[in-house]
Amino acid sequence: MKIDKRDIIKFGNLEFLAKQVVEGFITGLHKSPFHGFSVEFAEHRLYNPGESTRHIDWKLFARTEKMFVKRYEEETNLRCQIVLDNSGSMYFGNENVTKIQYAIIAIASIIELMKKQRDALGLHVFSEEMNVSIPAKSSLAHHQYLTSILEDLLHQYDEKTTSKTDLVTNLHELAETLNRRSLVMIFTDLLADPSKENDLFEALSHMTFNKHEIILFHVNDSKREKDFELENRPYTLVDMETQERIKLQPSQIKTQYQKSIRAYFEEIRLKCSSYKIDFVDLDINKDLEIALVSYLNKRQFL
């Protein structure tokens, strides 16, 4: 499902929009991959008179002539930490949707999937510093609370407000505070100083060293940020994090720009592969189901 402003207005609240995305996604799969909450056998205990006989092990009774009840324990559910870049550059987008809106709807859709599996979810929103940091819980009320926070972000934008990105520092701090192995899903446009690429991978390595699995979602507008598809006329480009301005004619720099930006992101992709980090291209011009597929693929191997 592609998202545009009409969808955001039409569906009103984020939770309902996310449900539409998930239902369409499941229908597209033809067979639902969700089997609900499940349990596995843990041990036997003696049956206590008066309690339900539903879990009595009758095969064991036939062998021992004593009634034992099967005790179960919950299967270990996924613990997921979602990290969202809320810096100024994430508010850039096409005529239909911004990168931050696209990421938020993708995250809300993943939350809908997590409800079905009763997975635990934490949410961490950052720009220069961590603005929101909520520990992982699996209750329905908790999931709805996180969706409400994202709902506020979805409609929030003041073009006069700018915020820079410090992904590296925030990832290091988060790696120190996450005390249980988790799937960490990072949504960012990766528009930072290219010279700090090694610092980024030191921070990501900090996560993997602590046994966390990582999916790095690169949220981008490929048409303009990668392909530089602009009309051949003079532009004044504004840095959405610093408000720095530059005047240019796209045709004068397009070839070199494309070469440089593609090399930069390809280097990140290759490094992610060597560090065993899943790198997912999340182009706002395309269907966002790729985020749901990436989550499900990772979940089944954890």
C-alpha atoms as a PDB file:
ATOM      1  CA  MET A   1       0.000   0.000   0.000  1.00  0.00           C
ATOM      2  CA  LYS A   2       1.323   3.403  -0.977  1.00  0.00           C
ATOM      3  CA  ILE A   3       0.567   6.217   1.438  1.00  0.00           C
ATOM      4  CA  ASP A   4      -0.351   9.786   0.639  1.00  0.00           C
ATOM      5  CA  LYS A   5      -1.900  12.690   2.488  1.00  0.00           C
ATOM      6  CA  ARG A   6      -5.375  11.659   1.378  1.00  0.00           C
ATOM      7  CA  ASP A   7      -4.993   8.363   3.222  1.00  0.00           C
ATOM      8  CA  ILE A   8      -3.891  10.139   6.401  1.00  0.00           C
ATOM      9  CA  ILE A   9      -6.889  12.463   6.203  1.00  0.00           C
ATOM     10  CA  LYS A  10      -9.329   9.769   5.075  1.00  0.00           C
ATOM     11  CA  PHE A  11      -8.584   7.276   7.846  1.00  0.00           C
ATOM     12  CA  GLY A  12      -8.314   9.913  10.541  1.00  0.00           C
ATOM     13  CA  ASN A  13      -6.424   8.126  13.259  1.00  0.00           C
ATOM     14  CA  LEU A  14      -3.168   6.280  12.943  1.00  0.00           C
ATOM     15  CA  GLU A  15      -4.307   3.001  14.479  1.00  0.00           C
ATOM     16  CA  PHE A  16      -7.145   2.637  11.987  1.00  0.00           C
ATOM     17  CA  LEU A  17      -4.834   3.475   9.070  1.00  0.00           C
ATOM     18  CA  ALA A  18      -2.317   0.895  10.273  1.00  0.00           C
ATOM     19  CA  LYS A  19      -5.054  -1.740  10.456  1.00  0.00           C
ATOM     20  CA  GLN A  20      -5.946  -1.036   6.817  1.00  0.00           C
ATOM     21  CA  VAL A  21      -2.311  -1.506   5.828  1.00  0.00           C
ATOM     22  CA  VAL A  22      -1.992  -4.775   7.768  1.00  0.00           C
ATOM     23  CA  GLU A  23      -5.279  -6.219   6.522  1.00  0.00           C
ATOM     24  CA  GLY A  24      -4.298  -5.461   2.947  1.00  0.00           C
ATOM     25  CA  PHE A  25      -0.889  -6.976   3.539  1.00  0.00           C
ATOM     26  CA  ILE A  26      -2.304 -10.204   4.995  1.00  0.00           C
ATOM     27  CA  THR A  27      -4.852 -10.472   2.203  1.00  0.00           C
ATOM     28  CA  GLY A  28      -2.022 -10.096  -0.276  1.00  0.00           C
ATOM     29  CA  LEU A  29      -0.222 -13.022   1.313  1.00  0.00           C
ATOM     30  CA  HIS A  30      -3.379 -15.155   0.773  1.00  0.00           C
ATOM     31  CA  LYS A  31      -2.555 -17.127   3.904  1.00  0.00           C
ATOM     32  CA  SER A  32      -2.161 -15.435   7.231  1.00  0.00           C
ATOM     33  CA  PRO A  33       1.207 -16.079   8.911  1.00  0.00           C
ATOM     34  CA  PHE A  34      -0.277 -15.298  12.297  1.00  0.00           C
ATOM     35  CA  HIS A  35      -1.269 -18.106  14.580  1.00  0.00           C
ATOM     36  CA  GLY A  36      -1.828 -16.078  17.710  1.00  0.00           C
ATOM     37  CA  PHE A  37      -0.422 -16.647  21.137  1.00  0.00           C
ATOM     38  CA  SER A  38       0.978 -20.102  21.762  1.00  0.00           C
ATOM     39  CA  VAL A  39       2.382 -22.036  24.702  1.00  0.00           C
ATOM     40  CA  GLU A  40       4.664 -25.006  25.151  1.00  0.00           C
ATOM     41  CA  PHE A  41       4.688 -27.823  27.693  1.00  0.00           C
ATOM     42  CA  ALA A  42       6.810 -27.208  30.798  1.00  0.00           C
ATOM     43  CA  GLU A  43       6.149 -29.950  33.374  1.00  0.00           C
ATOM     44  CA  HIS A  44       3.571 -32.099  35.167  1.00  0.00           C
ATOM     45  CA  ARG A  45       2.055 -31.507  38.596  1.00  0.00           C
ATOM     46  CA  LEU A  46      -0.430 -33.510  40.633  1.00  0.00           C
ATOM     47  CA  TYR A  47      -4.080 -32.817  39.941  1.00  0.00           C
ATOM     48  CA  ASN A  48      -5.938 -30.993  42.724  1.00  0.00           C
ATOM     49  CA  PRO A  49      -9.551 -32.184  43.276  1.00  0.00           C
ATOM     50  CA  GLY A  50     -12.113 -29.647  42.140  1.00  0.00           C
ATOM     51  CA  GLU A  51     -10.069 -27.960  39.434  1.00  0.00           C
ATOM     52  CA  SER A  52     -10.692 -28.249  35.707  1.00  0.00           C
ATOM     53  CA  THR A  53      -9.846 -31.591  34.135  1.00  0.00           C
ATOM     54  CA  ARG A  54      -9.071 -30.037  30.784  1.00  0.00           C
ATOM     55  CA  HIS A  55      -5.281 -30.301  31.118  1.00  0.00           C
ATOM     56  CA  ILE A  56      -5.071 -33.761  32.717  1.00  0.00           C
ATOM     57  CA  ASP A  57      -2.583 -35.998  30.935  1.00  0.00           C
ATOM     58  CA  TRP A  58      -4.768 -39.065  30.377  1.00  0.00           C
ATOM     59  CA  LYS A  59      -1.975 -41.049  28.740  1.00  0.00           C
ATOM     60  CA  LEU A  60       0.124 -40.625  31.849  1.00  0.00           C
ATOM     61  CA  PHE A  61      -2.901 -41.583  33.967  1.00  0.00           C
ATOM     62  CA  ALA A  62      -3.236 -44.825  31.989  1.00  0.00           C
ATOM     63  CA  ARG A  63       0.354 -45.712  32.863  1.00  0.00           C
ATOM     64  CA  THR A  64       0.444 -44.583  36.492  1.00  0.00           C
ATOM     65  CA  GLU A  65      -3.221 -44.483  37.581  1.00  0.00           C
ATOM     66  CA  LYS A  66      -2.477 -41.059  39.010  1.00  0.00           C
ATOM     67  CA  MET A  67      -3.823 -37.807  37.669  1.00  0.00           C
ATOM     68  CA  PHE A  68      -1.280 -35.233  36.592  1.00  0.00           C
ATOM     69  CA  VAL A  69      -1.964 -31.863  35.041  1.00  0.00           C
ATOM     70  CA  LYS A  70       0.190 -30.510  32.225  1.00  0.00           C
ATOM     71  CA  ARG A  71       1.703 -27.171  33.074  1.00  0.00           C
ATOM     72  CA  TYR A  72       2.629 -24.818  30.261  1.00  0.00           C
ATOM     73  CA  GLU A  73       4.858 -21.820  29.921  1.00  0.00           C
ATOM     74  CA  GLU A  74       4.537 -19.000  27.472  1.00  0.00           C
ATOM     75  CA  GLU A  75       6.794 -19.235  24.474  1.00  0.00           C
ATOM     76  CA  THR A  76       9.452 -16.590  24.471  1.00  0.00           C
ATOM     77  CA  ASN A  77       7.937 -13.732  22.527  1.00  0.00           C
ATOM     78  CA  LEU A  78       9.937 -11.247  20.561  1.00  0.00           C
ATOM     79  CA  ARG A  79      11.287  -8.188  22.351  1.00  0.00           C
ATOM     80  CA  CYS A  80      11.522  -5.336  19.873  1.00  0.00           C
ATOM     81  CA  GLN A  81      12.951  -1.832  20.221  1.00  0.00           C
ATOM     82  CA  ILE A  82      11.964   0.707  17.589  1.00  0.00           C
ATOM     83  CA  VAL A  83      14.280   3.679  17.113  1.00  0.00           C
ATOM     84  CA  LEU A  84      12.915   6.618  15.102  1.00  0.00           C
ATOM     85  CA  ASP A  85      14.921   9.531  13.713  1.00  0.00           C
ATOM     86  CA  ASN A  86      12.889  12.697  14.316  1.00  0.00           C
ATOM     87  CA  SER A  87      15.420  15.193  12.997  1.00  0.00           C
ATOM     88  CA  GLY A  88      14.634  17.995  10.571  1.00  0.00           C
ATOM     89  CA  SER A  89      15.639  16.114   7.419  1.00  0.00           C
ATOM     90  CA  MET A  90      13.012  13.435   8.114  1.00  0.00           C
ATOM     91  CA  TYR A  91      10.314  16.046   7.441  1.00  0.00           C
ATOM     92  CA  PHE A  92      11.313  16.225   3.800  1.00  0.00           C
ATOM     93  CA  GLY A  93       9.137  14.333   1.341  1.00  0.00           C
ATOM     94  CA  ASN A  94       7.296  14.316  -1.938  1.00  0.00           C
ATOM     95  CA  GLU A  95       3.925  15.890  -2.691  1.00  0.00           C
ATOM     96  CA  ASN A  96       2.150  13.002  -0.942  1.00  0.00           C
ATOM     97  CA  VAL A  97       4.013  12.099   2.224  1.00  0.00           C
ATOM     98  CA  THR A  98       7.088  13.055   4.252  1.00  0.00           C
ATOM     99  CA  LYS A  99       9.730  10.579   5.346  1.00  0.00           C
ATOM    100  CA  ILE A 100       8.686  10.900   9.002  1.00  0.00           C
ATOM    101  CA  GLN A 101       5.027  10.248   8.147  1.00  0.00           C
ATOM    102  CA  TYR A 102       5.955   7.224   6.062  1.00  0.00           C
ATOM    103  CA  ALA A 103       8.151   5.812   8.831  1.00  0.00           C
ATOM    104  CA  ILE A 104       5.478   6.397  11.473  1.00  0.00           C
ATOM    105  CA  ILE A 105       2.808   4.587   9.446  1.00  0.00           C
ATOM    106  CA  ALA A 106       5.224   1.695   8.829  1.00  0.00           C
ATOM    107  CA  ILE A 107       5.960   1.489  12.565  1.00  0.00           C
ATOM    108  CA  ALA A 108       2.269   1.659  13.505  1.00  0.00           C
ATOM    109  CA  SER A 109       1.591  -1.188  11.057  1.00  0.00           C
ATOM    110  CA  ILE A 110       4.331  -3.261  12.679  1.00  0.00           C
ATOM    111  CA  ILE A 111       2.713  -2.559  16.058  1.00  0.00           C
ATOM    112  CA  GLU A 112      -0.540  -3.985  14.695  1.00  0.00           C
ATOM    113  CA  LEU A 113       1.331  -7.173  13.743  1.00  0.00           C
ATOM    114  CA  MET A 114       2.954  -7.294  17.169  1.00  0.00           C
ATOM    115  CA  LYS A 115      -0.434  -7.160  18.866  1.00  0.00           C
ATOM    116  CA  LYS A 116      -1.345 -10.399  17.144  1.00  0.00           C
ATOM    117  CA  GLN A 117       1.838 -12.065  18.409  1.00  0.00           C
ATOM    118  CA  ARG A 118       1.840 -10.352  21.814  1.00  0.00           C
ATOM    119  CA  ASP A 119       5.387  -9.232  21.249  1.00  0.00           C
ATOM    120  CA  ALA A 120       6.967  -6.686  23.576  1.00  0.00           C
ATOM    121  CA  LEU A 121       7.748  -3.296  22.070  1.00  0.00           C
ATOM    122  CA  GLY A 122       9.787  -0.298  23.193  1.00  0.00           C
ATOM    123  CA  LEU A 123       9.882   3.054  21.401  1.00  0.00           C
ATOM    124  CA  HIS A 124      12.782   5.501  21.222  1.00  0.00           C
ATOM    125  CA  VAL A 125      12.527   8.788  19.312  1.00  0.00           C
ATOM    126  CA  PHE A 126      15.608  10.951  18.865  1.00  0.00           C
ATOM    127  CA  SER A 127      17.060  13.955  17.079  1.00  0.00           C
ATOM    128  CA  GLU A 128      20.120  15.503  18.731  1.00  0.00           C
ATOM    129  CA  GLU A 129      19.184  13.689  21.933  1.00  0.00           C
ATOM    130  CA  MET A 130      16.723  10.987  22.921  1.00  0.00           C
ATOM    131  CA  ASN A 131      13.351  12.751  23.168  1.00  0.00           C
ATOM    132  CA  VAL A 132      11.246   9.676  23.919  1.00  0.00           C
ATOM    133  CA  SER A 133      12.439   6.414  25.465  1.00  0.00           C
ATOM    134  CA  ILE A 134       9.798   3.918  26.553  1.00  0.00           C
ATOM    135  CA  PRO A 135      10.761   0.409  27.736  1.00  0.00           C
ATOM    136  CA  ALA A 136       9.355  -2.647  25.995  1.00  0.00           C
ATOM    137  CA  LYS A 137       6.073  -4.143  27.190  1.00  0.00           C
ATOM    138  CA  SER A 138       3.641  -6.499  25.492  1.00  0.00           C
ATOM    139  CA  SER A 139       0.241  -5.409  26.789  1.00  0.00           C
ATOM    140  CA  LEU A 140      -2.462  -4.116  24.471  1.00  0.00           C
ATOM    141  CA  ALA A 141      -2.694  -0.906  26.506  1.00  0.00           C
ATOM    142  CA  HIS A 142       1.040  -0.343  26.047  1.00  0.00           C
ATOM    143  CA  HIS A 143       0.838  -0.860  22.286  1.00  0.00           C
ATOM    144  CA  GLN A 144      -2.045   1.615  22.076  1.00  0.00           C
ATOM    145  CA  TYR A 145      -0.087   4.118  24.160  1.00  0.00           C
ATOM    146  CA  LEU A 146       2.847   3.938  21.746  1.00  0.00           C
ATOM    147  CA  THR A 147       0.500   4.388  18.803  1.00  0.00           C
ATOM    148  CA  SER A 148      -0.905   7.527  20.434  1.00  0.00           C
ATOM    149  CA  ILE A 149       2.625   8.961  20.745  1.00  0.00           C
ATOM    150  CA  LEU A 150       3.245   8.251  17.078  1.00  0.00           C
ATOM    151  CA  GLU A 151      -0.136   9.785  16.232  1.00  0.00           C
ATOM    152  CA  ASP A 152       1.008  13.083  17.752  1.00  0.00           C
ATOM    153  CA  LEU A 153       4.240  12.946  15.748  1.00  0.00           C
ATOM    154  CA  LEU A 154       2.390  12.131  12.535  1.00  0.00           C
ATOM    155  CA  HIS A 155       0.653  15.507  12.406  1.00  0.00           C
ATOM    156  CA  GLN A 156       3.442  17.525  13.979  1.00  0.00           C
ATOM    157  CA  TYR A 157       5.542  19.849  11.873  1.00  0.00           C
ATOM    158  CA  ASP A 158       6.676  23.417  12.179  1.00  0.00           C
ATOM    159  CA  GLU A 159       8.957  24.435   9.328  1.00  0.00           C
ATOM    160  CA  LYS A 160      10.523  27.073  11.581  1.00  0.00           C
ATOM    161  CA  THR A 161      11.709  24.387  13.987  1.00  0.00           C
ATOM    162  CA  THR A 162      14.936  22.636  13.088  1.00  0.00           C
ATOM    163  CA  SER A 163      16.717  19.770  14.789  1.00  0.00           C
ATOM    164  CA  LYS A 164      19.964  18.066  13.911  1.00  0.00           C
ATOM    165  CA  THR A 165      20.738  14.355  14.011  1.00  0.00           C
ATOM    166  CA  ASP A 166      23.007  12.519  16.419  1.00  0.00           C
ATOM    167  CA  LEU A 167      22.341   8.892  15.582  1.00  0.00           C
ATOM    168  CA  VAL A 168      25.740   7.714  16.837  1.00  0.00           C
ATOM    169  CA  THR A 169      25.518   9.059  20.397  1.00  0.00           C
ATOM    170  CA  ASN A 170      21.928   7.946  20.822  1.00  0.00           C
ATOM    171  CA  LEU A 171      22.658   4.412  19.612  1.00  0.00           C
ATOM    172  CA  HIS A 172      25.577   4.098  22.048  1.00  0.00           C
ATOM    173  CA  GLU A 173      23.371   5.279  24.924  1.00  0.00           C
ATOM    174  CA  LEU A 174      20.583   2.932  23.937  1.00  0.00           C
ATOM    175  CA  ALA A 175      22.986  -0.018  23.670  1.00  0.00           C
ATOM    176  CA  GLU A 176      23.995   0.642  27.278  1.00  0.00           C
ATOM    177  CA  THR A 177      20.422   0.762  28.576  1.00  0.00           C
ATOM    178  CA  LEU A 178      18.926  -2.268  26.771  1.00  0.00           C
ATOM    179  CA  ASN A 179      19.560  -5.086  29.217  1.00  0.00           C
ATOM    180  CA  ARG A 180      17.721  -7.845  27.350  1.00  0.00           C
ATOM    181  CA  ARG A 181      18.403  -9.203  23.877  1.00  0.00           C
ATOM    182  CA  SER A 182      16.105  -7.469  21.394  1.00  0.00           C
ATOM    183  CA  LEU A 183      15.365  -6.896  17.758  1.00  0.00           C
ATOM    184  CA  VAL A 184      16.310  -3.250  17.198  1.00  0.00           C
ATOM    185  CA  MET A 185      14.576  -1.610  14.245  1.00  0.00           C
ATOM    186  CA  ILE A 186      16.095   1.741  13.288  1.00  0.00           C
ATOM    187  CA  PHE A 187      14.199   4.133  11.007  1.00  0.00           C
ATOM    188  CA  THR A 188      16.424   6.936   9.705  1.00  0.00           C
ATOM    189  CA  ASP A 189      17.328   8.693   6.459  1.00  0.00           C
ATOM    190  CA  LEU A 190      21.059   8.301   7.233  1.00  0.00           C
ATOM    191  CA  LEU A 191      21.666  11.886   6.165  1.00  0.00           C
ATOM    192  CA  ALA A 192      24.606  12.619   8.403  1.00  0.00           C
ATOM    193  CA  ASP A 193      28.214  13.647   7.922  1.00  0.00           C
ATOM    194  CA  PRO A 194      29.746  10.970   5.616  1.00  0.00           C
ATOM    195  CA  SER A 195      33.061  11.342   7.449  1.00  0.00           C
ATOM    196  CA  LYS A 196      31.384   9.845  10.532  1.00  0.00           C
ATOM    197  CA  GLU A 197      30.468   6.593   8.799  1.00  0.00           C
ATOM    198  CA  ASN A 198      32.958   4.626  10.907  1.00  0.00           C
ATOM    199  CA  ASP A 199      31.456   6.152  14.062  1.00  0.00           C
ATOM    200  CA  LEU A 200      28.036   4.942  12.943  1.00  0.00           C
ATOM    201  CA  PHE A 201      29.253   1.377  12.580  1.00  0.00           C
ATOM    202  CA  GLU A 202      31.010   1.517  15.938  1.00  0.00           C
ATOM    203  CA  ALA A 203      27.624   2.376  17.452  1.00  0.00           C
ATOM    204  CA  LEU A 204      25.889  -0.395  15.513  1.00  0.00           C
ATOM    205  CA  SER A 205      28.637  -2.823  16.565  1.00  0.00           C
ATOM    206  CA  HIS A 206      27.971  -1.813  20.162  1.00  0.00           C
ATOM    207  CA  MET A 207      24.413  -3.066  19.616  1.00  0.00           C
ATOM    208  CA  THR A 208      25.422  -6.339  17.967  1.00  0.00           C
ATOM    209  CA  PHE A 209      28.135  -6.973  20.584  1.00  0.00           C
ATOM    210  CA  ASN A 210      25.351  -6.905  23.179  1.00  0.00           C
ATOM    211  CA  LYS A 211      23.572  -9.643  21.163  1.00  0.00           C
ATOM    212  CA  HIS A 212      20.888  -7.415  19.640  1.00  0.00           C
ATOM    213  CA  GLU A 213      19.637  -8.107  16.117  1.00  0.00           C
ATOM    214  CA  ILE A 214      19.363  -4.999  13.934  1.00  0.00           C
ATOM    215  CA  ILE A 215      17.246  -3.955  10.983  1.00  0.00           C
ATOM    216  CA  LEU A 216      18.368  -0.609   9.585  1.00  0.00           C
ATOM    217  CA  PHE A 217      15.531   0.962   7.589  1.00  0.00           C
ATOM    218  CA  HIS A 218      16.840   3.634   5.228  1.00  0.00           C
ATOM    219  CA  VAL A 219      13.855   5.971   4.798  1.00  0.00           C
ATOM    220  CA  ASN A 220      14.328   8.037   1.663  1.00  0.00           C
ATOM    221  CA  ASP A 221      12.770   9.797  -1.301  1.00  0.00           C
ATOM    222  CA  SER A 222      14.808   8.062  -3.996  1.00  0.00           C
ATOM    223  CA  LYS A 223      13.564  10.260  -6.827  1.00  0.00           C
ATOM    224  CA  ARG A 224      14.991  13.425  -5.371  1.00  0.00           C
ATOM    225  CA  GLU A 225      17.520  12.334  -2.772  1.00  0.00           C
ATOM    226  CA  LYS A 226      19.242   9.661  -4.881  1.00  0.00           C
ATOM    227  CA  ASP A 227      18.307  10.357  -8.504  1.00  0.00           C
ATOM    228  CA  PHE A 228      18.157  14.145  -8.066  1.00  0.00           C
ATOM    229  CA  GLU A 229      15.075  14.393 -10.260  1.00  0.00           C
ATOM    230  CA  LEU A 230      14.505  18.145 -10.273  1.00  0.00           C
ATOM    231  CA  GLU A 231      13.387  20.426 -13.068  1.00  0.00           C
ATOM    232  CA  ASN A 232      16.261  22.045 -14.903  1.00  0.00           C
ATOM    233  CA  ARG A 233      15.848  25.494 -13.425  1.00  0.00           C
ATOM    234  CA  PRO A 234      17.573  27.461 -10.642  1.00  0.00           C
ATOM    235  CA  TYR A 235      16.814  26.255  -7.101  1.00  0.00           C
ATOM    236  CA  THR A 236      17.546  27.444  -3.608  1.00  0.00           C
ATOM    237  CA  LEU A 237      18.010  24.309  -1.518  1.00  0.00           C
ATOM    238  CA  VAL A 238      17.558  24.592   2.252  1.00  0.00           C
ATOM    239  CA  ASP A 239      19.146  22.266   4.787  1.00  0.00           C
ATOM    240  CA  MET A 240      16.201  21.261   6.998  1.00  0.00           C
ATOM    241  CA  GLU A 241      18.463  20.756  10.012  1.00  0.00           C
ATOM    242  CA  THR A 242      20.668  23.866   9.834  1.00  0.00           C
ATOM    243  CA  GLN A 243      18.661  26.164   7.515  1.00  0.00           C
ATOM    244  CA  GLU A 244      21.819  26.630   5.442  1.00  0.00           C
ATOM    245  CA  ARG A 245      20.927  27.647   1.872  1.00  0.00           C
ATOM    246  CA  ILE A 246      22.596  27.011  -1.449  1.00  0.00           C
ATOM    247  CA  LYS A 247      21.632  28.186  -4.939  1.00  0.00           C
ATOM    248  CA  LEU A 248      22.259  25.851  -7.840  1.00  0.00           C
ATOM    249  CA  GLN A 249      21.235  24.610 -11.272  1.00  0.00           C
ATOM    250  CA  PRO A 250      20.551  20.830 -10.946  1.00  0.00           C
ATOM    251  CA  SER A 251      22.049  19.911 -14.309  1.00  0.00           C
ATOM    252  CA  GLN A 252      25.438  21.305 -13.249  1.00  0.00           C
ATOM    253  CA  ILE A 253      25.932  18.835 -10.414  1.00  0.00           C
ATOM    254  CA  LYS A 254      23.475  15.987 -11.120  1.00  0.00           C
ATOM    255  CA  THR A 255      25.954  13.440 -12.498  1.00  0.00           C
ATOM    256  CA  GLN A 256      28.525  13.918  -9.743  1.00  0.00           C
ATOM    257  CA  TYR A 257      25.816  14.056  -7.065  1.00  0.00           C
ATOM    258  CA  GLN A 258      24.276  10.761  -8.216  1.00  0.00           C
ATOM    259  CA  LYS A 259      27.663   9.102  -8.275  1.00  0.00           C
ATOM    260  CA  SER A 260      28.600  10.310  -4.781  1.00  0.00           C
ATOM    261  CA  ILE A 261      25.298   9.611  -3.041  1.00  0.00           C
ATOM    262  CA  ARG A 262      24.938   6.130  -4.540  1.00  0.00           C
ATOM    263  CA  ALA A 263      28.509   5.263  -3.567  1.00  0.00           C
ATOM    264  CA  TYR A 264      27.836   6.449  -0.004  1.00  0.00           C
ATOM    265  CA  PHE A 265      24.714   4.351   0.487  1.00  0.00           C
ATOM    266  CA  GLU A 266      26.196   1.338  -1.271  1.00  0.00           C
ATOM    267  CA  GLU A 267      29.133   1.487   1.136  1.00  0.00           C
ATOM    268  CA  ILE A 268      26.707   1.508   4.046  1.00  0.00           C
ATOM    269  CA  ARG A 269      24.814  -1.431   2.561  1.00  0.00           C
ATOM    270  CA  LEU A 270      28.002  -3.466   2.133  1.00  0.00           C
ATOM    271  CA  LYS A 271      29.192  -2.684   5.639  1.00  0.00           C
ATOM    272  CA  CYS A 272      25.815  -3.685   7.054  1.00  0.00           C
ATOM    273  CA  SER A 273      26.185  -7.023   5.301  1.00  0.00           C
ATOM    274  CA  SER A 274      29.637  -7.591   6.790  1.00  0.00           C
ATOM    275  CA  TYR A 275      28.352  -6.661  10.254  1.00  0.00           C
ATOM    276  CA  LYS A 276      25.329  -8.989   9.819  1.00  0.00           C
ATOM    277  CA  ILE A 277      22.904  -6.082   9.980  1.00  0.00           C
ATOM    278  CA  ASP A 278      19.801  -6.163   7.781  1.00  0.00           C
ATOM    279  CA  PHE A 279      19.741  -3.078   5.543  1.00  0.00           C
ATOM    280  CA  VAL A 280      16.293  -2.268   4.117  1.00  0.00           C
ATOM    281  CA  ASP A 281      15.667   0.460   1.550  1.00  0.00           C
ATOM    282  CA  LEU A 282      12.391   2.165   2.506  1.00  0.00           C
ATOM    283  CA  ASP A 283      11.524   4.417  -0.434  1.00  0.00           C
ATOM    284  CA  ILE A 284       8.525   6.643   0.310  1.00  0.00           C
ATOM    285  CA  ASN A 285       7.513   6.391  -3.360  1.00  0.00           C
ATOM    286  CA  LYS A 286       6.897   2.647  -2.987  1.00  0.00           C
ATOM    287  CA  ASP A 287       4.610   0.346  -1.018  1.00  0.00           C
ATOM    288  CA  LEU A 288       5.498   0.176   2.665  1.00  0.00           C
ATOM    289  CA  GLU A 289       4.733  -3.555   2.987  1.00  0.00           C
ATOM    290  CA  ILE A 290       8.474  -4.162   2.627  1.00  0.00           C
ATOM    291  CA  ALA A 291       8.820  -3.006   6.241  1.00  0.00           C
ATOM    292  CA  LEU A 292       6.261  -5.597   7.365  1.00  0.00           C
ATOM    293  CA  VAL A 293       7.956  -8.366   5.384  1.00  0.00           C
ATOM    294  CA  SER A 294      11.339  -7.467   6.900  1.00  0.00           C
ATOM    295  CA  TYR A 295       9.884  -7.591  10.406  1.00  0.00           C
ATOM    296  CA  LEU A 296       8.234 -10.979   9.832  1.00  0.00           C
ATOM    297  CA  ASN A 297      11.316 -12.481   8.194  1.00  0.00           C
ATOM    298  CA  LYS A 298      13.499 -11.430  11.103  1.00  0.00           C
ATOM    299  CA  ARG A 299      10.935 -12.494  13.708  1.00  0.00           C
ATOM    300  CA  GLN A 300      10.762 -16.093  12.586  1.00  0.00           C
ATOM    301  CA  PHE A 301      14.516 -16.545  13.008  1.00  0.00           C
ATOM    302  CA  LEU A 302      14.773 -15.046  16.485  1.00  0.00           C
END
